[in-house]
Amino acid sequence: MAIDIDSEGQGAMDHGRRMVEEARAFREAIGNQAESFTRAIDLRGRVERNPLGMMLAAAGIGYVLGGGLFSPLTGKVVRIGLRLALIPVIKSQLANIAGGPAHAAGEGAAGPTF
């Protein structure tokens, strides 16, 4: 039984060429998608219009990606934020239950103003 080495080698070369062509087409498609994504979010324009906001957004993304989302600091900040957000709500609900006005004259959510 004779094996035709030339035809097997040629088949491998054709397969290799097809793989290279597909890789090039894939690279081009990825490049086009990246370019259209960049145009869609207009990152350069956003940075020019609001550099501080973009810097804070990048810091926040870095904090989350760095594992800071489940850190003790984040837990403390969330607890403090919830308390600060709930105090005016609870205060107004208690005032409604007691039958008094929701806010006294000259007093807002931050307390009395002088």
PDB file of N, CA and C in Angstrom:
ATOM      1  N   MET A   1       0.847  -1.165   0.000  1.00  0.00           N
ATOM      2  CA  MET A   1       0.000   0.000   0.000  1.00  0.00           C
ATOM      3  C   MET A   1       0.895   1.230   0.000  1.00  0.00           C
ATOM      4  N   ALA A   2       0.812   2.011  -1.015  1.00  0.00           N
ATOM      5  CA  ALA A   2       1.657   3.195  -1.171  1.00  0.00           C
ATOM      6  C   ALA A   2       0.891   4.428  -0.698  1.00  0.00           C
ATOM      7  N   ILE A   3       1.609   5.322  -0.022  1.00  0.00           N
ATOM      8  CA  ILE A   3       1.013   6.562   0.471  1.00  0.00           C
ATOM      9  C   ILE A   3       1.560   7.696  -0.378  1.00  0.00           C
ATOM     10  N   ASP A   4       0.674   8.526  -0.851  1.00  0.00           N
ATOM     11  CA  ASP A   4       1.072   9.660  -1.688  1.00  0.00           C
ATOM     12  C   ASP A   4       1.404  10.841  -0.764  1.00  0.00           C
ATOM     13  N   ILE A   5       2.685  11.004  -0.469  1.00  0.00           N
ATOM     14  CA  ILE A   5       3.124  12.043   0.460  1.00  0.00           C
ATOM     15  C   ILE A   5       2.931  13.432  -0.127  1.00  0.00           C
ATOM     16  N   ASP A   6       3.122  13.568  -1.430  1.00  0.00           N
ATOM     17  CA  ASP A   6       2.971  14.883  -2.055  1.00  0.00           C
ATOM     18  C   ASP A   6       1.549  15.416  -1.920  1.00  0.00           C
ATOM     19  N   SER A   7       0.540  14.582  -2.099  1.00  0.00           N
ATOM     20  CA  SER A   7      -0.838  15.065  -2.006  1.00  0.00           C
ATOM     21  C   SER A   7      -1.209  15.391  -0.559  1.00  0.00           C
ATOM     22  N   GLU A   8      -0.683  14.642   0.411  1.00  0.00           N
ATOM     23  CA  GLU A   8      -0.955  14.947   1.811  1.00  0.00           C
ATOM     24  C   GLU A   8      -0.283  16.257   2.214  1.00  0.00           C
ATOM     25  N   GLY A   9       0.917  16.477   1.748  1.00  0.00           N
ATOM     26  CA  GLY A   9       1.629  17.723   2.040  1.00  0.00           C
ATOM     27  C   GLY A   9       0.932  18.910   1.415  1.00  0.00           C
ATOM     28  N   GLN A  10       0.413  18.719   0.219  1.00  0.00           N
ATOM     29  CA  GLN A  10      -0.308  19.806  -0.452  1.00  0.00           C
ATOM     30  C   GLN A  10      -1.604  20.116   0.282  1.00  0.00           C
ATOM     31  N   GLY A  11      -2.297  19.093   0.779  1.00  0.00           N
ATOM     32  CA  GLY A  11      -3.527  19.300   1.532  1.00  0.00           C
ATOM     33  C   GLY A  11      -3.263  20.063   2.822  1.00  0.00           C
ATOM     34  N   ALA A  12      -2.163  19.768   3.471  1.00  0.00           N
ATOM     35  CA  ALA A  12      -1.803  20.477   4.697  1.00  0.00           C
ATOM     36  C   ALA A  12      -1.471  21.934   4.389  1.00  0.00           C
ATOM     37  N   MET A  13      -0.803  22.173   3.288  1.00  0.00           N
ATOM     38  CA  MET A  13      -0.467  23.550   2.893  1.00  0.00           C
ATOM     39  C   MET A  13      -1.738  24.342   2.584  1.00  0.00           C
ATOM     40  N   ASP A  14      -2.681  23.707   1.878  1.00  0.00           N
ATOM     41  CA  ASP A  14      -3.952  24.381   1.591  1.00  0.00           C
ATOM     42  C   ASP A  14      -4.707  24.689   2.883  1.00  0.00           C
ATOM     43  N   HIS A  15      -4.690  23.739   3.776  1.00  0.00           N
ATOM     44  CA  HIS A  15      -5.362  23.944   5.061  1.00  0.00           C
ATOM     45  C   HIS A  15      -4.695  25.099   5.824  1.00  0.00           C
ATOM     46  N   GLY A  16      -3.389  25.143   5.811  1.00  0.00           N
ATOM     47  CA  GLY A  16      -2.656  26.226   6.472  1.00  0.00           C
ATOM     48  C   GLY A  16      -2.971  27.575   5.856  1.00  0.00           C
ATOM     49  N   ARG A  17      -3.049  27.627   4.538  1.00  0.00           N
ATOM     50  CA  ARG A  17      -3.386  28.894   3.861  1.00  0.00           C
ATOM     51  C   ARG A  17      -4.788  29.359   4.242  1.00  0.00           C
ATOM     52  N   ARG A  18      -5.730  28.412   4.283  1.00  0.00           N
ATOM     53  CA  ARG A  18      -7.094  28.771   4.675  1.00  0.00           C
ATOM     54  C   ARG A  18      -7.138  29.295   6.116  1.00  0.00           C
ATOM     55  N   MET A  19      -6.353  28.674   6.980  1.00  0.00           N
ATOM     56  CA  MET A  19      -6.315  29.122   8.375  1.00  0.00           C
ATOM     57  C   MET A  19      -5.757  30.537   8.464  1.00  0.00           C
ATOM     58  N   VAL A  20      -4.719  30.831   7.699  1.00  0.00           N
ATOM     59  CA  VAL A  20      -4.132  32.171   7.709  1.00  0.00           C
ATOM     60  C   VAL A  20      -5.128  33.185   7.169  1.00  0.00           C
ATOM     61  N   GLU A  21      -5.826  32.836   6.091  1.00  0.00           N
ATOM     62  CA  GLU A  21      -6.824  33.739   5.521  1.00  0.00           C
ATOM     63  C   GLU A  21      -7.953  34.005   6.515  1.00  0.00           C
ATOM     64  N   GLU A  22      -8.411  32.971   7.202  1.00  0.00           N
ATOM     65  CA  GLU A  22      -9.472  33.146   8.189  1.00  0.00           C
ATOM     66  C   GLU A  22      -8.997  33.996   9.367  1.00  0.00           C
ATOM     67  N   ALA A  23      -7.748  33.808   9.772  1.00  0.00           N
ATOM     68  CA  ALA A  23      -7.204  34.620  10.865  1.00  0.00           C
ATOM     69  C   ALA A  23      -7.120  36.084  10.459  1.00  0.00           C
ATOM     70  N   ARG A  24      -6.720  36.343   9.227  1.00  0.00           N
ATOM     71  CA  ARG A  24      -6.664  37.724   8.749  1.00  0.00           C
ATOM     72  C   ARG A  24      -8.058  38.344   8.692  1.00  0.00           C
ATOM     73  N   ALA A  25      -9.038  37.578   8.205  1.00  0.00           N
ATOM     74  CA  ALA A  25     -10.413  38.084   8.150  1.00  0.00           C
ATOM     75  C   ALA A  25     -10.945  38.347   9.549  1.00  0.00           C
ATOM     76  N   PHE A  26     -10.612  37.474  10.491  1.00  0.00           N
ATOM     77  CA  PHE A  26     -11.040  37.666  11.879  1.00  0.00           C
ATOM     78  C   PHE A  26     -10.401  38.922  12.467  1.00  0.00           C
ATOM     79  N   ARG A  27      -9.115  39.117  12.222  1.00  0.00           N
ATOM     80  CA  ARG A  27      -8.420  40.310  12.721  1.00  0.00           C
ATOM     81  C   ARG A  27      -9.035  41.576  12.140  1.00  0.00           C
ATOM     82  N   GLU A  28      -9.374  41.551  10.868  1.00  0.00           N
ATOM     83  CA  GLU A  28     -10.000  42.707  10.228  1.00  0.00           C
ATOM     84  C   GLU A  28     -11.384  42.984  10.818  1.00  0.00           C
ATOM     85  N   ALA A  29     -12.154  41.923  11.064  1.00  0.00           N
ATOM     86  CA  ALA A  29     -13.487  42.095  11.648  1.00  0.00           C
ATOM     87  C   ALA A  29     -13.398  42.665  13.059  1.00  0.00           C
ATOM     88  N   ILE A  30     -12.456  42.173  13.840  1.00  0.00           N
ATOM     89  CA  ILE A  30     -12.264  42.693  15.203  1.00  0.00           C
ATOM     90  C   ILE A  30     -11.840  44.154  15.145  1.00  0.00           C
ATOM     91  N   GLY A  31     -10.948  44.498  14.219  1.00  0.00           N
ATOM     92  CA  GLY A  31     -10.514  45.882  14.071  1.00  0.00           C
ATOM     93  C   GLY A  31     -11.671  46.797  13.703  1.00  0.00           C
ATOM     94  N   ASN A  32     -12.528  46.343  12.806  1.00  0.00           N
ATOM     95  CA  ASN A  32     -13.692  47.144  12.418  1.00  0.00           C
ATOM     96  C   ASN A  32     -14.652  47.330  13.587  1.00  0.00           C
ATOM     97  N   GLN A  33     -14.873  46.270  14.355  1.00  0.00           N
ATOM     98  CA  GLN A  33     -15.763  46.371  15.510  1.00  0.00           C
ATOM     99  C   GLN A  33     -15.196  47.318  16.563  1.00  0.00           C
ATOM    100  N   ALA A  34     -13.890  47.238  16.793  1.00  0.00           N
ATOM    101  CA  ALA A  34     -13.264  48.124  17.779  1.00  0.00           C
ATOM    102  C   ALA A  34     -13.368  49.580  17.340  1.00  0.00           C
ATOM    103  N   GLU A  35     -13.178  49.820  16.051  1.00  0.00           N
ATOM    104  CA  GLU A  35     -13.269  51.186  15.527  1.00  0.00           C
ATOM    105  C   GLU A  35     -14.694  51.723  15.651  1.00  0.00           C
ATOM    106  N   SER A  36     -15.688  50.916  15.333  1.00  0.00           N
ATOM    107  CA  SER A  36     -17.070  51.377  15.431  1.00  0.00           C
ATOM    108  C   SER A  36     -17.469  51.582  16.894  1.00  0.00           C
ATOM    109  N   PHE A  37     -16.949  50.741  17.797  1.00  0.00           N
ATOM    110  CA  PHE A  37     -17.221  50.918  19.219  1.00  0.00           C
ATOM    111  C   PHE A  37     -16.602  52.219  19.723  1.00  0.00           C
ATOM    112  N   THR A  38     -15.379  52.498  19.296  1.00  0.00           N
ATOM    113  CA  THR A  38     -14.700  53.733  19.693  1.00  0.00           C
ATOM    114  C   THR A  38     -15.465  54.952  19.198  1.00  0.00           C
ATOM    115  N   ARG A  39     -15.948  54.890  17.973  1.00  0.00           N
ATOM    116  CA  ARG A  39     -16.736  56.002  17.445  1.00  0.00           C
ATOM    117  C   ARG A  39     -18.049  56.149  18.206  1.00  0.00           C
ATOM    118  N   ALA A  40     -18.647  55.040  18.587  1.00  0.00           N
ATOM    119  CA  ALA A  40     -19.950  55.084  19.261  1.00  0.00           C
ATOM    120  C   ALA A  40     -19.853  55.715  20.651  1.00  0.00           C
ATOM    121  N   ILE A  41     -18.812  55.396  21.405  1.00  0.00           N
ATOM    122  CA  ILE A  41     -18.733  55.954  22.750  1.00  0.00           C
ATOM    123  C   ILE A  41     -18.026  57.301  22.789  1.00  0.00           C
ATOM    124  N   ASP A  42     -17.343  57.688  21.736  1.00  0.00           N
ATOM    125  CA  ASP A  42     -16.683  58.995  21.625  1.00  0.00           C
ATOM    126  C   ASP A  42     -15.852  59.295  22.876  1.00  0.00           C
ATOM    127  N   LEU A  43     -14.924  58.389  23.168  1.00  0.00           N
ATOM    128  CA  LEU A  43     -14.138  58.503  24.387  1.00  0.00           C
ATOM    129  C   LEU A  43     -13.288  59.767  24.415  1.00  0.00           C
ATOM    130  N   ARG A  44     -12.645  60.090  23.314  1.00  0.00           N
ATOM    131  CA  ARG A  44     -11.816  61.310  23.277  1.00  0.00           C
ATOM    132  C   ARG A  44     -12.652  62.562  23.515  1.00  0.00           C
ATOM    133  N   GLY A  45     -13.822  62.629  22.905  1.00  0.00           N
ATOM    134  CA  GLY A  45     -14.699  63.781  23.097  1.00  0.00           C
ATOM    135  C   GLY A  45     -15.182  63.895  24.529  1.00  0.00           C
ATOM    136  N   ARG A  46     -15.501  62.760  25.133  1.00  0.00           N
ATOM    137  CA  ARG A  46     -15.947  62.781  26.524  1.00  0.00           C
ATOM    138  C   ARG A  46     -14.843  63.270  27.455  1.00  0.00           C
ATOM    139  N   VAL A  47     -13.618  62.825  27.197  1.00  0.00           N
ATOM    140  CA  VAL A  47     -12.498  63.253  28.036  1.00  0.00           C
ATOM    141  C   VAL A  47     -12.257  64.747  27.869  1.00  0.00           C
ATOM    142  N   GLU A  48     -12.374  65.247  26.647  1.00  0.00           N
ATOM    143  CA  GLU A  48     -12.178  66.680  26.413  1.00  0.00           C
ATOM    144  C   GLU A  48     -13.278  67.510  27.068  1.00  0.00           C
ATOM    145  N   ARG A  49     -14.517  67.030  27.030  1.00  0.00           N
ATOM    146  CA  ARG A  49     -15.632  67.783  27.608  1.00  0.00           C
ATOM    147  C   ARG A  49     -15.672  67.712  29.131  1.00  0.00           C
ATOM    148  N   ASN A  50     -15.324  66.566  29.687  1.00  0.00           N
ATOM    149  CA  ASN A  50     -15.432  66.386  31.132  1.00  0.00           C
ATOM    150  C   ASN A  50     -14.261  65.540  31.646  1.00  0.00           C
ATOM    151  N   PRO A  51     -13.065  66.128  31.744  1.00  0.00           N
ATOM    152  CA  PRO A  51     -11.895  65.327  32.133  1.00  0.00           C
ATOM    153  C   PRO A  51     -11.976  64.801  33.570  1.00  0.00           C
ATOM    154  N   LEU A  52     -12.477  65.599  34.485  1.00  0.00           N
ATOM    155  CA  LEU A  52     -12.551  65.152  35.877  1.00  0.00           C
ATOM    156  C   LEU A  52     -13.539  63.999  36.034  1.00  0.00           C
ATOM    157  N   GLY A  53     -14.682  64.102  35.384  1.00  0.00           N
ATOM    158  CA  GLY A  53     -15.672  63.030  35.460  1.00  0.00           C
ATOM    159  C   GLY A  53     -15.145  61.730  34.878  1.00  0.00           C
ATOM    160  N   MET A  54     -14.423  61.812  33.781  1.00  0.00           N
ATOM    161  CA  MET A  54     -13.866  60.609  33.173  1.00  0.00           C
ATOM    162  C   MET A  54     -12.761  60.021  34.042  1.00  0.00           C
ATOM    163  N   MET A  55     -11.992  60.875  34.707  1.00  0.00           N
ATOM    164  CA  MET A  55     -10.951  60.378  35.595  1.00  0.00           C
ATOM    165  C   MET A  55     -11.585  59.654  36.793  1.00  0.00           C
ATOM    166  N   LEU A  56     -12.653  60.220  37.333  1.00  0.00           N
ATOM    167  CA  LEU A  56     -13.345  59.570  38.447  1.00  0.00           C
ATOM    168  C   LEU A  56     -14.000  58.259  37.998  1.00  0.00           C
ATOM    169  N   ALA A  57     -14.541  58.247  36.786  1.00  0.00           N
ATOM    170  CA  ALA A  57     -15.134  57.007  36.265  1.00  0.00           C
ATOM    171  C   ALA A  57     -14.057  55.933  36.101  1.00  0.00           C
ATOM    172  N   ALA A  58     -12.887  56.316  35.598  1.00  0.00           N
ATOM    173  CA  ALA A  58     -11.796  55.355  35.446  1.00  0.00           C
ATOM    174  C   ALA A  58     -11.324  54.846  36.802  1.00  0.00           C
ATOM    175  N   ALA A  59     -11.261  55.734  37.794  1.00  0.00           N
ATOM    176  CA  ALA A  59     -10.864  55.305  39.140  1.00  0.00           C
ATOM    177  C   ALA A  59     -11.893  54.341  39.718  1.00  0.00           C
ATOM    178  N   GLY A  60     -13.175  54.622  39.496  1.00  0.00           N
ATOM    179  CA  GLY A  60     -14.224  53.724  39.979  1.00  0.00           C
ATOM    180  C   GLY A  60     -14.166  52.368  39.311  1.00  0.00           C
ATOM    181  N   ILE A  61     -13.933  52.353  38.013  1.00  0.00           N
ATOM    182  CA  ILE A  61     -13.824  51.078  37.295  1.00  0.00           C
ATOM    183  C   ILE A  61     -12.614  50.306  37.796  1.00  0.00           C
ATOM    184  N   GLY A  62     -11.502  50.998  38.007  1.00  0.00           N
ATOM    185  CA  GLY A  62     -10.310  50.348  38.541  1.00  0.00           C
ATOM    186  C   GLY A  62     -10.543  49.799  39.942  1.00  0.00           C
ATOM    187  N   TYR A  63     -11.286  50.537  40.750  1.00  0.00           N
ATOM    188  CA  TYR A  63     -11.601  50.083  42.110  1.00  0.00           C
ATOM    189  C   TYR A  63     -12.411  48.796  42.073  1.00  0.00           C
ATOM    190  N   VAL A  64     -13.411  48.766  41.206  1.00  0.00           N
ATOM    191  CA  VAL A  64     -14.253  47.573  41.104  1.00  0.00           C
ATOM    192  C   VAL A  64     -13.462  46.405  40.531  1.00  0.00           C
ATOM    193  N   LEU A  65     -12.706  46.633  39.455  1.00  0.00           N
ATOM    194  CA  LEU A  65     -11.940  45.550  38.847  1.00  0.00           C
ATOM    195  C   LEU A  65     -10.809  45.071  39.756  1.00  0.00           C
ATOM    196  N   GLY A  66     -10.324  45.941  40.612  1.00  0.00           N
ATOM    197  CA  GLY A  66      -9.270  45.568  41.545  1.00  0.00           C
ATOM    198  C   GLY A  66      -9.777  44.806  42.751  1.00  0.00           C
ATOM    199  N   GLY A  67     -11.061  44.541  42.823  1.00  0.00           N
ATOM    200  CA  GLY A  67     -11.617  43.757  43.916  1.00  0.00           C
ATOM    201  C   GLY A  67     -12.128  44.599  45.065  1.00  0.00           C
ATOM    202  N   GLY A  68     -12.251  45.893  44.885  1.00  0.00           N
ATOM    203  CA  GLY A  68     -12.682  46.759  45.967  1.00  0.00           C
ATOM    204  C   GLY A  68     -14.164  46.728  46.244  1.00  0.00           C
ATOM    205  N   LEU A  69     -14.943  46.114  45.370  1.00  0.00           N
ATOM    206  CA  LEU A  69     -16.391  46.119  45.543  1.00  0.00           C
ATOM    207  C   LEU A  69     -16.817  45.411  46.824  1.00  0.00           C
ATOM    208  N   PHE A  70     -16.127  44.352  47.198  1.00  0.00           N
ATOM    209  CA  PHE A  70     -16.490  43.583  48.385  1.00  0.00           C
ATOM    210  C   PHE A  70     -15.498  43.803  49.526  1.00  0.00           C
ATOM    211  N   SER A  71     -14.910  44.984  49.581  1.00  0.00           N
ATOM    212  CA  SER A  71     -13.966  45.293  50.649  1.00  0.00           C
ATOM    213  C   SER A  71     -14.704  45.894  51.849  1.00  0.00           C
ATOM    214  N   PRO A  72     -14.071  45.900  53.014  1.00  0.00           N
ATOM    215  CA  PRO A  72     -14.701  46.513  54.196  1.00  0.00           C
ATOM    216  C   PRO A  72     -14.990  48.002  53.998  1.00  0.00           C
ATOM    217  N   LEU A  73     -14.120  48.701  53.273  1.00  0.00           N
ATOM    218  CA  LEU A  73     -14.346  50.126  53.022  1.00  0.00           C
ATOM    219  C   LEU A  73     -15.646  50.343  52.269  1.00  0.00           C
ATOM    220  N   THR A  74     -15.891  49.543  51.252  1.00  0.00           N
ATOM    221  CA  THR A  74     -17.125  49.682  50.481  1.00  0.00           C
ATOM    222  C   THR A  74     -18.345  49.408  51.354  1.00  0.00           C
ATOM    223  N   GLY A  75     -18.257  48.405  52.209  1.00  0.00           N
ATOM    224  CA  GLY A  75     -19.367  48.111  53.115  1.00  0.00           C
ATOM    225  C   GLY A  75     -19.671  49.283  54.035  1.00  0.00           C
ATOM    226  N   LYS A  76     -18.629  49.909  54.572  1.00  0.00           N
ATOM    227  CA  LYS A  76     -18.838  51.059  55.458  1.00  0.00           C
ATOM    228  C   LYS A  76     -19.463  52.227  54.702  1.00  0.00           C
ATOM    229  N   VAL A  77     -18.962  52.496  53.499  1.00  0.00           N
ATOM    230  CA  VAL A  77     -19.487  53.610  52.703  1.00  0.00           C
ATOM    231  C   VAL A  77     -20.956  53.369  52.353  1.00  0.00           C
ATOM    232  N   VAL A  78     -21.307  52.151  51.998  1.00  0.00           N
ATOM    233  CA  VAL A  78     -22.698  51.833  51.659  1.00  0.00           C
ATOM    234  C   VAL A  78     -23.598  51.989  52.887  1.00  0.00           C
ATOM    235  N   ARG A  79     -23.140  51.515  54.037  1.00  0.00           N
ATOM    236  CA  ARG A  79     -23.951  51.660  55.258  1.00  0.00           C
ATOM    237  C   ARG A  79     -24.175  53.127  55.600  1.00  0.00           C
ATOM    238  N   ILE A  80     -23.105  53.939  55.514  1.00  0.00           N
ATOM    239  CA  ILE A  80     -23.245  55.366  55.810  1.00  0.00           C
ATOM    240  C   ILE A  80     -24.181  56.030  54.811  1.00  0.00           C
ATOM    241  N   GLY A  81     -24.036  55.683  53.549  1.00  0.00           N
ATOM    242  CA  GLY A  81     -24.907  56.248  52.517  1.00  0.00           C
ATOM    243  C   GLY A  81     -26.360  55.891  52.734  1.00  0.00           C
ATOM    244  N   LEU A  82     -26.630  54.652  53.096  1.00  0.00           N
ATOM    245  CA  LEU A  82     -28.011  54.241  53.354  1.00  0.00           C
ATOM    246  C   LEU A  82     -28.584  54.978  54.558  1.00  0.00           C
ATOM    247  N   ARG A  83     -27.793  55.119  55.598  1.00  0.00           N
ATOM    248  CA  ARG A  83     -28.279  55.849  56.769  1.00  0.00           C
ATOM    249  C   ARG A  83     -28.603  57.293  56.422  1.00  0.00           C
ATOM    250  N   LEU A  84     -27.702  57.936  55.667  1.00  0.00           N
ATOM    251  CA  LEU A  84     -27.940  59.332  55.298  1.00  0.00           C
ATOM    252  C   LEU A  84     -29.155  59.474  54.385  1.00  0.00           C
ATOM    253  N   ALA A  85     -29.395  58.482  53.547  1.00  0.00           N
ATOM    254  CA  ALA A  85     -30.540  58.544  52.641  1.00  0.00           C
ATOM    255  C   ALA A  85     -31.849  58.243  53.375  1.00  0.00           C
ATOM    256  N   LEU A  86     -31.782  57.401  54.384  1.00  0.00           N
ATOM    257  CA  LEU A  86     -33.011  57.000  55.076  1.00  0.00           C
ATOM    258  C   LEU A  86     -33.434  57.964  56.176  1.00  0.00           C
ATOM    259  N   ILE A  87     -32.525  58.747  56.719  1.00  0.00           N
ATOM    260  CA  ILE A  87     -32.878  59.655  57.810  1.00  0.00           C
ATOM    261  C   ILE A  87     -34.007  60.610  57.426  1.00  0.00           C
ATOM    262  N   PRO A  88     -33.944  61.327  56.290  1.00  0.00           N
ATOM    263  CA  PRO A  88     -35.064  62.218  55.954  1.00  0.00           C
ATOM    264  C   PRO A  88     -36.374  61.472  55.724  1.00  0.00           C
ATOM    265  N   VAL A  89     -36.309  60.289  55.152  1.00  0.00           N
ATOM    266  CA  VAL A  89     -37.524  59.510  54.898  1.00  0.00           C
ATOM    267  C   VAL A  89     -38.163  59.095  56.213  1.00  0.00           C
ATOM    268  N   ILE A  90     -37.359  58.572  57.115  1.00  0.00           N
ATOM    269  CA  ILE A  90     -37.890  58.137  58.405  1.00  0.00           C
ATOM    270  C   ILE A  90     -38.420  59.332  59.195  1.00  0.00           C
ATOM    271  N   LYS A  91     -37.707  60.442  59.129  1.00  0.00           N
ATOM    272  CA  LYS A  91     -38.136  61.646  59.852  1.00  0.00           C
ATOM    273  C   LYS A  91     -39.501  62.128  59.347  1.00  0.00           C
ATOM    274  N   SER A  92     -39.684  62.146  58.027  1.00  0.00           N
ATOM    275  CA  SER A  92     -40.969  62.599  57.490  1.00  0.00           C
ATOM    276  C   SER A  92     -42.084  61.604  57.807  1.00  0.00           C
ATOM    277  N   GLN A  93     -41.780  60.312  57.807  1.00  0.00           N
ATOM    278  CA  GLN A  93     -42.799  59.307  58.144  1.00  0.00           C
ATOM    279  C   GLN A  93     -43.217  59.433  59.606  1.00  0.00           C
ATOM    280  N   LEU A  94     -42.248  59.660  60.485  1.00  0.00           N
ATOM    281  CA  LEU A  94     -42.586  59.843  61.896  1.00  0.00           C
ATOM    282  C   LEU A  94     -43.410  61.109  62.101  1.00  0.00           C
ATOM    283  N   ALA A  95     -43.086  62.161  61.358  1.00  0.00           N
ATOM    284  CA  ALA A  95     -43.869  63.398  61.463  1.00  0.00           C
ATOM    285  C   ALA A  95     -45.288  63.165  60.962  1.00  0.00           C
ATOM    286  N   ASN A  96     -45.456  62.390  59.905  1.00  0.00           N
ATOM    287  CA  ASN A  96     -46.801  62.079  59.399  1.00  0.00           C
ATOM    288  C   ASN A  96     -47.592  61.247  60.401  1.00  0.00           C
ATOM    289  N   ILE A  97     -46.934  60.316  61.050  1.00  0.00           N
ATOM    290  CA  ILE A  97     -47.613  59.481  62.041  1.00  0.00           C
ATOM    291  C   ILE A  97     -48.049  60.326  63.232  1.00  0.00           C
ATOM    292  N   ALA A  98     -47.180  61.247  63.652  1.00  0.00           N
ATOM    293  CA  ALA A  98     -47.486  62.099  64.802  1.00  0.00           C
ATOM    294  C   ALA A  98     -48.511  63.167  64.450  1.00  0.00           C
ATOM    295  N   GLY A  99     -48.762  63.390  63.177  1.00  0.00           N
ATOM    296  CA  GLY A  99     -49.757  64.361  62.751  1.00  0.00           C
ATOM    297  C   GLY A  99     -49.215  65.769  62.644  1.00  0.00           C
ATOM    298  N   GLY A 100     -47.937  65.926  62.771  1.00  0.00           N
ATOM    299  CA  GLY A 100     -47.335  67.246  62.672  1.00  0.00           C
ATOM    300  C   GLY A 100     -46.897  67.546  61.255  1.00  0.00           C
ATOM    301  N   PRO A 101     -46.391  68.752  61.024  1.00  0.00           N
ATOM    302  CA  PRO A 101     -45.898  69.089  59.693  1.00  0.00           C
ATOM    303  C   PRO A 101     -44.651  68.274  59.368  1.00  0.00           C
ATOM    304  N   ALA A 102     -44.446  68.009  58.097  1.00  0.00           N
ATOM    305  CA  ALA A 102     -43.294  67.212  57.676  1.00  0.00           C
ATOM    306  C   ALA A 102     -42.000  67.953  57.944  1.00  0.00           C
ATOM    307  N   HIS A 103     -41.990  69.272  57.734  1.00  0.00           N
ATOM    308  CA  HIS A 103     -40.794  70.082  57.970  1.00  0.00           C
ATOM    309  C   HIS A 103     -41.187  71.295  58.794  1.00  0.00           C
ATOM    310  N   ALA A 104     -40.376  71.594  59.777  1.00  0.00           N
ATOM    311  CA  ALA A 104     -40.586  72.822  60.531  1.00  0.00           C
ATOM    312  C   ALA A 104     -40.066  73.987  59.717  1.00  0.00           C
ATOM    313  N   ALA A 105     -40.556  75.189  59.996  1.00  0.00           N
ATOM    314  CA  ALA A 105     -40.112  76.366  59.256  1.00  0.00           C
ATOM    315  C   ALA A 105     -38.621  76.570  59.445  1.00  0.00           C
ATOM    316  N   GLY A 106     -37.920  76.756  58.341  1.00  0.00           N
ATOM    317  CA  GLY A 106     -36.477  77.003  58.392  1.00  0.00           C
ATOM    318  C   GLY A 106     -35.668  75.746  58.602  1.00  0.00           C
ATOM    319  N   GLU A 107     -36.281  74.565  58.486  1.00  0.00           N
ATOM    320  CA  GLU A 107     -35.536  73.323  58.694  1.00  0.00           C
ATOM    321  C   GLU A 107     -35.700  72.446  57.483  1.00  0.00           C
ATOM    322  N   GLY A 108     -34.596  72.025  56.939  1.00  0.00           N
ATOM    323  CA  GLY A 108     -34.611  71.132  55.791  1.00  0.00           C
ATOM    324  C   GLY A 108     -34.064  69.788  56.207  1.00  0.00           C
ATOM    325  N   ALA A 109     -33.663  68.981  55.217  1.00  0.00           N
ATOM    326  CA  ALA A 109     -33.127  67.656  55.497  1.00  0.00           C
ATOM    327  C   ALA A 109     -31.813  67.755  56.243  1.00  0.00           C
ATOM    328  N   ALA A 110     -31.081  68.852  56.084  1.00  0.00           N
ATOM    329  CA  ALA A 110     -29.791  69.008  56.749  1.00  0.00           C
ATOM    330  C   ALA A 110     -29.944  69.538  58.169  1.00  0.00           C
ATOM    331  N   GLY A 111     -31.118  69.914  58.578  1.00  0.00           N
ATOM    332  CA  GLY A 111     -31.326  70.423  59.921  1.00  0.00           C
ATOM    333  C   GLY A 111     -31.683  71.903  59.884  1.00  0.00           C
ATOM    334  N   PRO A 112     -31.705  72.530  61.052  1.00  0.00           N
ATOM    335  CA  PRO A 112     -32.099  73.948  61.097  1.00  0.00           C
ATOM    336  C   PRO A 112     -31.069  74.835  60.424  1.00  0.00           C
ATOM    337  N   THR A 113     -31.558  75.878  59.784  1.00  0.00           N
ATOM    338  CA  THR A 113     -30.676  76.861  59.134  1.00  0.00           C
ATOM    339  C   THR A 113     -30.789  78.163  59.897  1.00  0.00           C
ATOM    340  N   PHE A 114     -29.668  78.752  60.191  1.00  0.00           N
ATOM    341  CA  PHE A 114     -29.658  80.013  60.950  1.00  0.00           C
ATOM    342  C   PHE A 114     -29.124  81.118  60.136  1.00  0.00           C
TER     343      PHE A 114
END
